[in-house]
Amino acid sequence: MNSVLRSVLFAGAAALLLAPGAHAAGKLDVAKAKAQIDAGLDKAYPHLDALYKDIHQHPELGFQEVETSAKLAKEMRALGFEVTEHVGKTGIVAIYKNGPGPTVMVRTELDALPMEEKTGLPYASHAITTWQGKPTPVAHSCGHDIHMAAWVGTAQQLVAMKSAWHGTLMFIGQPSEETVGGARAMIADGLFTRFPKPDIGFAQHVGPGPTLGVSYRAGANSSSADGFEITFQGRGAHGSRPQLSIDPVMEAARFTVEVQTIVSREKDPAAFGVLGVGSIVSGSAGNIIPDQAVLRGTIRSYDDDTRKLLKEGLARTAKAVAELSRAPAPTVVFDQGASAVVNDAAITARTAPIFKAAFGAHAVEATSPGSASEDYSEYIIAGVPSLFWGLGGLDPKVIADYRAKGQEPPGNHTPQFAPIPEPTIRTGVEAMTLAVLNVLS
């Protein structure tokens, strides 16, 4: 079968699979399935908890996840998956075939962050690695360790319930999500040519919402993110003779203020867009006017038009600031980041009632996308219709205590972010297993 014909046939199959009223005879009995999953978890959870805490204590940065990927590969082989390691350098692909039917992809991330953990947990990370040439603490402060434990737990439950579904499971462990490079690396290494191209994809992400909760929405679910680096050139001088200088610090300061007019005066107020400078590096001493200043920051948006407007406006402003200072033209470099994750409307519509039936009021349809970015978008762009949802990870009492003090609880990428394993992992397994069963029943 040639690739064009295969694409047409599978697109038609996916449309039938997700059409309202389709597969009425195989409609998922949510209560029964959830009871089976919970019974399986009662036995499996101690192992998942131990796996989670092991991964949490031994985090690895992007494209360095050698031990992490080996642990997951061992877990999946023990369940009967065919596992291929070193896809996209440190990624893994685990395939489980169970008769004819669609191929469903379930993705987890493997990497941690270059930051110190300050949770005080007995299983806190004290890992140190070399990052950017210097010793740096490493921590799973984004929650990918929760995702990995739920990923393994989902595989366990689906294998145990294989008489209830037919098709192919494609579980992928993706490296380096935090650098927004891991998904591209796996795709470039033949993810969808060496292995079956999925008809449907699922992923989830833990956050500082209440445990037991899942949130979802059709359409844009996260923002795009592009990094930028601007190098302003000047002329150095003694601090007592500023007339001899072209001060790049002044260029940097002007730019940092002026560039916000792109957001406040050129962007549609109804369109989400953020442009922020996070780093300015220049000079060595207070009495020396330097000859260079380097700025770094990010641009985030939900749509391509706003993304383009912000990038063009930033470059134009940097050039104008340099001209105002009679300085050489600056160097502006964009680091192409992640596009917005856009959830498939049909998959969302088919999955939402399952979540409602399983989690009741804890299943919430989000009213707007999140502002963080996520490179799961690369799989969607490559042609995998998907649903990516949020998973609550904090004790509701902890959230209430913080808000009573007028504060928000620590979220992802903060040193104190600490999802509680139970029931977060259990909810993640339930949600993902039910979502997969619902399209393979």
Protein backbone atom coordinates (compact mmCIF):
# COMPACT_ATOMS: atom_id res chain seq x y z
CA MET A 1 0.00 0.00 0.00
CA ASN A 2 1.55 3.34 -0.99
CA SER A 3 1.83 6.13 1.57
CA VAL A 4 -0.82 8.35 -0.02
CA LEU A 5 -3.43 5.57 -0.10
CA ARG A 6 -2.54 4.56 3.46
CA SER A 7 -3.01 8.16 4.66
CA VAL A 8 -6.41 8.42 2.97
CA LEU A 9 -7.63 5.11 4.38
CA PHE A 10 -6.47 5.78 7.91
CA ALA A 11 -7.83 9.33 7.84
CA GLY A 12 -11.19 7.84 6.91
CA ALA A 13 -10.89 5.22 9.62
CA ALA A 14 -10.08 7.85 12.22
CA ALA A 15 -13.04 9.96 11.12
CA LEU A 16 -15.38 6.99 11.48
CA LEU A 17 -13.86 6.11 14.83
CA LEU A 18 -14.54 9.57 16.18
CA ALA A 19 -17.87 10.29 14.50
CA PRO A 20 -20.84 10.82 16.85
CA GLY A 21 -22.70 7.59 17.31
CA ALA A 22 -19.90 5.50 15.85
CA HIS A 23 -19.01 2.22 17.57
CA ALA A 24 -22.26 2.23 19.48
CA ALA A 25 -21.97 -1.53 19.94
CA GLY A 26 -18.55 -1.08 21.53
CA LYS A 27 -19.40 1.91 23.68
CA LEU A 28 -17.14 2.04 26.71
CA ASP A 29 -18.75 1.18 30.04
CA VAL A 30 -16.89 3.84 32.01
CA ALA A 31 -17.92 2.71 35.48
CA LYS A 32 -16.95 -0.88 34.79
CA ALA A 33 -13.65 0.07 33.14
CA LYS A 34 -12.73 2.48 35.93
CA ALA A 35 -13.47 -0.19 38.53
CA GLN A 36 -11.14 -2.59 36.70
CA ILE A 37 -8.42 0.04 36.48
CA ASP A 38 -8.75 0.88 40.17
CA ALA A 39 -8.55 -2.79 41.13
CA GLY A 40 -5.40 -3.14 39.05
CA LEU A 41 -3.94 0.00 40.59
CA ASP A 42 -4.56 -1.27 44.11
CA LYS A 43 -2.01 -3.97 43.33
CA ALA A 44 0.31 -1.98 41.05
CA TYR A 45 0.47 1.35 42.85
CA PRO A 46 3.27 0.53 45.35
CA HIS A 47 5.56 -0.27 42.41
CA LEU A 48 4.56 2.93 40.58
CA ASP A 49 5.17 4.98 43.72
CA ALA A 50 8.65 3.47 44.11
CA LEU A 51 9.40 4.08 40.43
CA TYR A 52 8.23 7.69 40.73
CA LYS A 53 10.41 8.40 43.78
CA ASP A 54 13.43 6.73 42.17
CA ILE A 55 13.07 8.89 39.04
CA HIS A 56 12.43 11.98 41.19
CA GLN A 57 15.65 11.42 43.15
CA HIS A 58 17.72 10.77 40.02
CA PRO A 59 16.70 13.44 37.47
CA GLU A 60 18.55 13.98 34.20
CA LEU A 61 18.62 16.96 31.85
CA GLY A 62 17.52 16.91 28.22
CA PHE A 63 19.35 14.48 25.95
CA GLN A 64 21.16 13.14 29.02
CA GLU A 65 18.31 10.87 30.18
CA VAL A 66 20.33 7.66 29.84
CA GLU A 67 19.36 6.05 33.16
CA THR A 68 15.79 7.34 33.00
CA SER A 69 15.11 5.91 29.55
CA ALA A 70 16.74 2.61 30.52
CA LYS A 71 14.43 2.30 33.53
CA LEU A 72 11.34 2.90 31.41
CA ALA A 73 12.54 0.56 28.68
CA LYS A 74 12.96 -2.21 31.27
CA GLU A 75 9.43 -1.61 32.58
CA MET A 76 7.90 -1.79 29.12
CA ARG A 77 9.79 -4.91 28.05
CA ALA A 78 8.56 -6.65 31.18
CA LEU A 79 4.99 -5.91 30.02
CA GLY A 80 5.59 -7.43 26.58
CA PHE A 81 6.19 -4.27 24.55
CA GLU A 82 8.71 -4.25 21.71
CA VAL A 83 11.08 -1.49 22.81
CA THR A 84 13.51 0.52 20.70
CA GLU A 85 15.96 2.75 22.56
CA HIS A 86 18.06 5.74 21.45
CA VAL A 87 15.38 7.25 19.18
CA GLY A 88 16.18 10.95 18.95
CA LYS A 89 19.33 10.24 21.01
CA THR A 90 17.79 9.23 24.36
CA GLY A 91 14.14 8.62 23.49
CA ILE A 92 12.35 5.28 23.54
CA VAL A 93 9.50 3.79 21.51
CA ALA A 94 7.49 0.89 22.90
CA ILE A 95 5.03 -0.95 20.63
CA TYR A 96 2.30 -3.38 21.70
CA LYS A 97 0.22 -4.97 18.95
CA ASN A 98 -3.18 -6.41 19.85
CA GLY A 99 -4.91 -7.25 16.59
CA PRO A 100 -6.28 -4.98 13.87
CA GLY A 101 -7.29 -1.44 14.72
CA PRO A 102 -5.97 2.10 15.01
CA THR A 103 -2.53 3.00 16.35
CA VAL A 104 -2.71 5.18 19.46
CA MET A 105 0.30 7.12 20.71
CA VAL A 106 0.81 7.89 24.41
CA ARG A 107 3.69 10.25 25.19
CA THR A 108 5.67 11.06 28.30
CA GLU A 109 8.66 13.36 28.71
CA LEU A 110 11.92 12.18 30.29
CA ASP A 111 13.87 15.30 31.21
CA ALA A 112 14.25 17.45 34.31
CA LEU A 113 15.29 21.08 34.89
CA PRO A 114 18.61 22.73 35.77
CA MET A 115 17.47 24.05 39.15
CA GLU A 116 17.63 23.26 42.85
CA GLU A 117 14.72 21.52 44.55
CA LYS A 118 13.58 23.14 47.81
CA THR A 119 10.57 21.02 48.72
CA GLY A 120 12.14 19.38 51.77
CA LEU A 121 10.63 16.04 50.75
CA PRO A 122 12.34 12.88 52.02
CA TYR A 123 12.81 11.81 48.39
CA ALA A 124 13.95 15.24 47.15
CA SER A 125 16.60 15.45 44.45
CA HIS A 126 20.15 16.32 45.45
CA ALA A 127 21.53 15.57 42.00
CA ILE A 128 24.26 17.75 40.50
CA THR A 129 25.34 17.74 36.87
CA THR A 130 27.46 19.87 34.57
CA TRP A 131 25.33 22.35 32.65
CA GLN A 132 26.71 25.21 30.57
CA GLY A 133 30.15 24.38 31.87
CA LYS A 134 29.47 24.53 35.60
CA PRO A 135 28.05 22.27 38.35
CA THR A 136 24.27 22.71 38.49
CA PRO A 137 21.51 21.15 40.61
CA VAL A 138 18.89 19.14 38.74
CA ALA A 139 15.24 18.61 39.74
CA HIS A 140 11.97 17.30 38.33
CA SER A 141 10.28 20.63 39.06
CA CYS A 142 7.99 20.38 36.05
CA GLY A 143 6.34 17.08 36.96
CA HIS A 144 7.68 14.83 34.21
CA ASP A 145 8.36 12.17 36.84
CA ILE A 146 4.62 12.05 37.56
CA HIS A 147 3.98 11.66 33.83
CA MET A 148 6.44 8.76 33.58
CA ALA A 149 4.89 6.86 36.47
CA ALA A 150 1.39 7.34 35.03
CA TRP A 151 2.69 6.31 31.58
CA VAL A 152 3.99 3.01 32.92
CA GLY A 153 0.81 2.53 34.97
CA THR A 154 -1.33 3.09 31.88
CA ALA A 155 0.67 0.50 29.95
CA GLN A 156 0.19 -1.98 32.81
CA GLN A 157 -3.58 -1.52 32.86
CA LEU A 158 -4.03 -1.65 29.09
CA VAL A 159 -2.07 -4.88 28.84
CA ALA A 160 -4.10 -6.35 31.71
CA MET A 161 -7.32 -5.33 29.89
CA LYS A 162 -6.22 -6.33 26.38
CA SER A 163 -9.34 -8.44 25.84
CA ALA A 164 -11.36 -5.19 25.90
CA TRP A 165 -9.60 -3.45 23.00
CA HIS A 166 -7.94 -4.02 19.63
CA GLY A 167 -5.25 -2.04 17.87
CA THR A 168 -1.65 -0.95 18.42
CA LEU A 169 -0.23 0.96 21.37
CA MET A 170 2.72 3.25 20.65
CA PHE A 171 4.17 4.51 23.93
CA ILE A 172 6.94 7.04 23.43
CA GLY A 173 9.37 8.39 26.03
CA GLN A 174 10.49 11.73 24.67
CA PRO A 175 13.77 13.41 25.64
CA SER A 176 14.42 17.09 26.15
CA GLU A 177 10.97 18.66 26.21
CA GLU A 178 12.33 21.55 28.27
CA THR A 179 14.67 22.60 25.46
CA VAL A 180 11.82 22.29 22.94
CA GLY A 181 14.01 19.95 20.90
CA GLY A 182 13.09 16.40 21.87
CA ALA A 183 9.98 15.94 19.74
CA ARG A 184 11.76 17.24 16.64
CA ALA A 185 14.72 14.96 17.37
CA MET A 186 12.51 11.87 17.55
CA ILE A 187 10.61 12.79 14.38
CA ALA A 188 13.88 13.47 12.56
CA ASP A 189 15.14 10.06 13.69
CA GLY A 190 12.25 8.32 11.95
CA LEU A 191 9.57 8.19 14.63
CA PHE A 192 6.80 8.09 12.03
CA THR A 193 8.68 6.15 9.34
CA ARG A 194 10.51 3.46 11.33
CA PHE A 195 7.37 2.89 13.41
CA PRO A 196 3.62 3.00 12.65
CA LYS A 197 2.34 6.55 12.29
CA PRO A 198 -0.33 7.02 14.99
CA ASP A 199 -3.93 7.69 14.08
CA ILE A 200 -4.53 9.37 17.45
CA GLY A 201 -2.25 10.77 20.16
CA PHE A 202 -2.70 11.50 23.86
CA ALA A 203 -0.61 13.30 26.48
CA GLN A 204 -1.19 14.93 29.85
CA HIS A 205 0.62 17.42 32.08
CA VAL A 206 0.48 17.85 35.84
CA GLY A 207 0.09 21.34 37.28
CA PRO A 208 -0.77 23.19 40.51
CA GLY A 209 -4.49 22.43 40.33
CA PRO A 210 -6.35 20.23 42.85
CA THR A 211 -5.80 16.49 42.79
CA LEU A 212 -8.43 14.25 41.16
CA GLY A 213 -8.99 16.97 38.55
CA VAL A 214 -8.51 16.90 34.78
CA SER A 215 -8.95 19.89 32.47
CA TYR A 216 -9.28 19.82 28.70
CA ARG A 217 -10.40 21.94 25.79
CA ALA A 218 -10.71 21.72 22.01
CA GLY A 219 -8.50 23.99 19.93
CA ALA A 220 -5.45 25.86 21.24
CA ASN A 221 -4.36 24.46 24.59
CA SER A 222 -0.98 26.13 25.06
CA SER A 223 1.03 29.00 23.67
CA SER A 224 3.79 29.05 21.12
CA ALA A 225 7.20 30.06 22.46
CA ASP A 226 10.20 31.55 20.68
CA GLY A 227 13.41 32.61 22.34
CA PHE A 228 15.39 35.61 21.18
CA GLU A 229 18.88 36.97 21.72
CA ILE A 230 19.84 40.56 20.82
CA THR A 231 23.41 41.80 20.87
CA PHE A 232 23.70 45.59 21.01
CA GLN A 233 27.09 46.95 19.95
CA GLY A 234 28.59 50.13 21.35
CA ARG A 235 31.89 51.86 22.06
CA GLY A 236 33.52 51.42 25.43
CA ALA A 237 34.86 54.30 27.51
CA HIS A 238 35.81 55.37 31.02
CA GLY A 239 32.77 56.17 33.14
CA SER A 240 34.06 59.74 33.56
CA ARG A 241 34.10 60.35 29.79
CA PRO A 242 30.69 59.16 28.55
CA GLN A 243 30.87 61.51 25.54
CA LEU A 244 33.42 59.15 24.01
CA SER A 245 31.17 56.13 24.29
CA ILE A 246 28.21 54.57 22.55
CA ASP A 247 26.54 53.03 25.55
CA PRO A 248 25.00 49.60 24.85
CA VAL A 249 23.47 49.58 28.34
CA MET A 250 21.35 52.55 27.30
CA GLU A 251 20.40 50.70 24.13
CA ALA A 252 19.34 47.69 26.19
CA ALA A 253 17.36 49.84 28.61
CA ARG A 254 15.55 51.72 25.84
CA PHE A 255 14.73 48.51 24.04
CA THR A 256 13.36 46.80 27.15
CA VAL A 257 10.87 49.62 27.69
CA GLU A 258 10.09 50.52 24.08
CA VAL A 259 9.46 46.97 22.87
CA GLN A 260 6.40 46.71 25.13
CA THR A 261 4.59 49.15 22.83
CA ILE A 262 4.44 46.31 20.31
CA VAL A 263 2.25 44.46 22.79
CA SER A 264 0.25 47.48 24.02
CA ARG A 265 -0.17 49.41 20.76
CA GLU A 266 0.23 47.06 17.79
CA LYS A 267 -1.18 43.73 18.96
CA ASP A 268 -4.94 43.18 19.02
CA PRO A 269 -5.92 43.48 22.70
CA ALA A 270 -8.13 40.41 22.29
CA ALA A 271 -5.21 38.26 21.11
CA PHE A 272 -2.87 36.71 23.67
CA GLY A 273 0.74 37.75 23.32
CA VAL A 274 3.66 38.14 25.73
CA LEU A 275 7.08 39.59 24.96
CA GLY A 276 9.51 39.56 27.86
CA VAL A 277 13.20 40.23 28.47
CA GLY A 278 14.55 37.77 31.02
CA SER A 279 18.28 38.47 30.91
CA ILE A 280 20.54 41.46 30.28
CA VAL A 281 24.28 40.83 30.43
CA SER A 282 26.72 43.72 30.03
CA GLY A 283 29.77 45.30 31.62
CA SER A 284 32.22 44.32 34.32
CA ALA A 285 32.57 47.33 36.63
CA GLY A 286 30.59 50.40 37.62
CA ASN A 287 33.14 52.88 36.23
CA ILE A 288 33.47 51.26 32.81
CA ILE A 289 31.03 51.84 29.97
CA PRO A 290 31.04 48.51 28.10
CA ASP A 291 31.05 47.97 24.37
CA GLN A 292 28.35 45.30 24.21
CA ALA A 293 25.08 44.25 25.83
CA VAL A 294 23.28 40.96 25.28
CA LEU A 295 19.54 40.54 25.95
CA ARG A 296 17.62 37.28 26.03
CA GLY A 297 13.91 36.68 26.35
CA THR A 298 10.84 34.93 24.98
CA ILE A 299 7.79 35.60 22.83
CA ARG A 300 4.55 33.70 23.42
CA SER A 301 1.24 33.67 21.57
CA TYR A 302 -1.65 31.42 20.56
CA ASP A 303 -1.79 32.17 16.83
CA ASP A 304 0.68 32.54 13.97
CA ASP A 305 -0.35 36.10 13.04
CA THR A 306 0.39 37.42 16.54
CA ARG A 307 3.59 35.39 16.64
CA LYS A 308 4.76 37.02 13.40
CA LEU A 309 3.76 40.53 14.52
CA LEU A 310 5.72 40.24 17.78
CA LYS A 311 8.84 38.88 16.10
CA GLU A 312 8.85 41.53 13.38
CA GLY A 313 8.13 44.29 15.89
CA LEU A 314 10.96 43.16 18.15
CA ALA A 315 13.51 43.17 15.32
CA ARG A 316 12.32 46.59 14.11
CA THR A 317 12.53 48.08 17.61
CA ALA A 318 16.03 46.73 18.20
CA LYS A 319 17.24 48.27 14.94
CA ALA A 320 15.59 51.63 15.71
CA VAL A 321 17.11 51.78 19.21
CA ALA A 322 20.58 51.20 17.75
CA GLU A 323 20.06 53.91 15.16
CA LEU A 324 18.91 56.32 17.86
CA SER A 325 22.22 55.73 19.67
CA ARG A 326 24.23 55.98 16.43
CA ALA A 327 25.40 52.45 17.12
CA PRO A 328 26.08 49.63 14.68
CA ALA A 329 23.09 47.50 13.76
CA PRO A 330 22.32 44.91 16.46
CA THR A 331 22.36 41.17 15.91
CA VAL A 332 18.91 39.65 16.43
CA VAL A 333 18.65 35.86 16.61
CA PHE A 334 15.43 33.91 17.13
CA ASP A 335 15.45 30.43 18.61
CA GLN A 336 12.51 28.70 16.96
CA GLY A 337 10.48 27.28 19.81
CA ALA A 338 7.30 25.28 20.16
CA SER A 339 4.11 26.02 18.32
CA ALA A 340 0.80 26.07 20.15
CA VAL A 341 -0.70 22.68 20.99
CA VAL A 342 -4.05 22.52 19.18
CA ASN A 343 -6.37 19.78 20.39
CA ASP A 344 -8.47 17.94 17.83
CA ALA A 345 -12.13 18.87 18.18
CA ALA A 346 -13.49 15.39 17.40
CA ILE A 347 -11.16 13.59 19.80
CA THR A 348 -11.95 16.13 22.52
CA ALA A 349 -15.69 15.71 21.95
CA ARG A 350 -15.38 11.92 22.18
CA THR A 351 -13.17 11.96 25.29
CA ALA A 352 -14.89 14.69 27.34
CA PRO A 353 -17.96 12.60 28.24
CA ILE A 354 -15.66 9.79 29.40
CA PHE A 355 -13.82 12.16 31.73
CA LYS A 356 -17.13 13.56 32.99
CA ALA A 357 -18.45 10.08 33.67
CA ALA A 358 -15.24 9.03 35.44
CA PHE A 359 -14.40 12.17 37.42
CA GLY A 360 -17.68 14.08 37.69
CA ALA A 361 -17.23 17.71 38.77
CA HIS A 362 -13.45 17.22 38.82
CA ALA A 363 -13.47 17.04 35.00
CA VAL A 364 -13.47 20.65 33.80
CA GLU A 365 -13.52 22.15 30.33
CA ALA A 366 -10.95 24.96 30.34
CA THR A 367 -12.23 28.31 29.11
CA SER A 368 -8.90 29.47 27.69
CA PRO A 369 -5.51 28.03 26.74
CA GLY A 370 -2.58 28.00 29.13
CA SER A 371 0.29 30.43 28.61
CA ALA A 372 3.08 27.85 28.93
CA SER A 373 4.51 26.13 25.87
CA GLU A 374 4.93 22.46 25.03
CA ASP A 375 6.65 20.71 22.13
CA TYR A 376 3.96 18.04 21.86
CA SER A 377 2.76 20.40 19.12
CA GLU A 378 5.40 18.89 16.79
CA TYR A 379 3.51 15.58 16.66
CA ILE A 380 0.27 17.38 15.83
CA ILE A 381 1.99 19.37 13.09
CA ALA A 382 3.37 16.08 11.75
CA GLY A 383 -0.20 14.82 11.35
CA VAL A 384 -1.21 13.10 14.60
CA PRO A 385 -4.66 14.38 15.74
CA SER A 386 -4.43 14.58 19.50
CA LEU A 387 -5.81 15.52 22.89
CA PHE A 388 -3.49 17.02 25.51
CA TRP A 389 -5.02 17.65 28.93
CA GLY A 390 -4.10 19.01 32.34
CA LEU A 391 -3.85 16.96 35.54
CA GLY A 392 -4.18 18.43 39.03
CA GLY A 393 -1.36 17.58 41.43
CA LEU A 394 -1.77 19.53 44.67
CA ASP A 395 -3.73 18.83 47.84
CA PRO A 396 -6.84 21.07 47.76
CA LYS A 397 -6.15 22.05 51.39
CA VAL A 398 -2.66 23.27 50.45
CA ILE A 399 -4.17 25.38 47.66
CA ALA A 400 -6.78 26.81 50.05
CA ASP A 401 -4.14 27.64 52.67
CA TYR A 402 -2.05 29.58 50.16
CA ARG A 403 -5.04 31.48 48.81
CA ALA A 404 -6.19 32.35 52.32
CA LYS A 405 -2.87 34.21 52.61
CA GLY A 406 -3.45 35.96 49.27
CA GLN A 407 -0.90 33.77 47.50
CA GLU A 408 -0.91 31.16 44.77
CA PRO A 409 0.68 27.76 45.51
CA PRO A 410 4.07 26.96 43.93
CA GLY A 411 3.66 25.91 40.32
CA ASN A 412 5.74 24.21 37.68
CA HIS A 413 9.35 25.37 37.33
CA THR A 414 9.55 26.64 40.91
CA PRO A 415 11.84 25.08 43.55
CA GLN A 416 8.89 24.26 45.84
CA PHE A 417 6.64 22.58 43.24
CA ALA A 418 5.66 19.24 44.77
CA PRO A 419 2.77 17.25 43.28
CA ILE A 420 1.62 14.58 45.69
CA PRO A 421 2.12 11.13 44.15
CA GLU A 422 -1.10 9.66 45.55
CA PRO A 423 -3.70 10.27 44.13
CA THR A 424 -2.08 12.21 41.25
CA ILE A 425 -0.45 9.19 39.61
CA ARG A 426 -3.61 7.14 40.09
CA THR A 427 -5.73 9.85 38.41
CA GLY A 428 -3.25 10.10 35.56
CA VAL A 429 -3.43 6.35 34.97
CA GLU A 430 -7.24 6.37 35.12
CA ALA A 431 -7.59 9.29 32.70
CA MET A 432 -5.08 8.01 30.15
CA THR A 433 -6.27 4.40 30.26
CA LEU A 434 -9.91 5.42 29.82
CA ALA A 435 -9.04 7.78 26.94
CA VAL A 436 -7.19 5.01 25.09
CA LEU A 437 -9.84 2.37 25.80
CA ASN A 438 -12.50 4.75 24.51
CA VAL A 439 -10.94 4.94 21.04
CA LEU A 440 -9.87 1.28 20.85
CA SER A 441 -12.96 -0.40 22.35
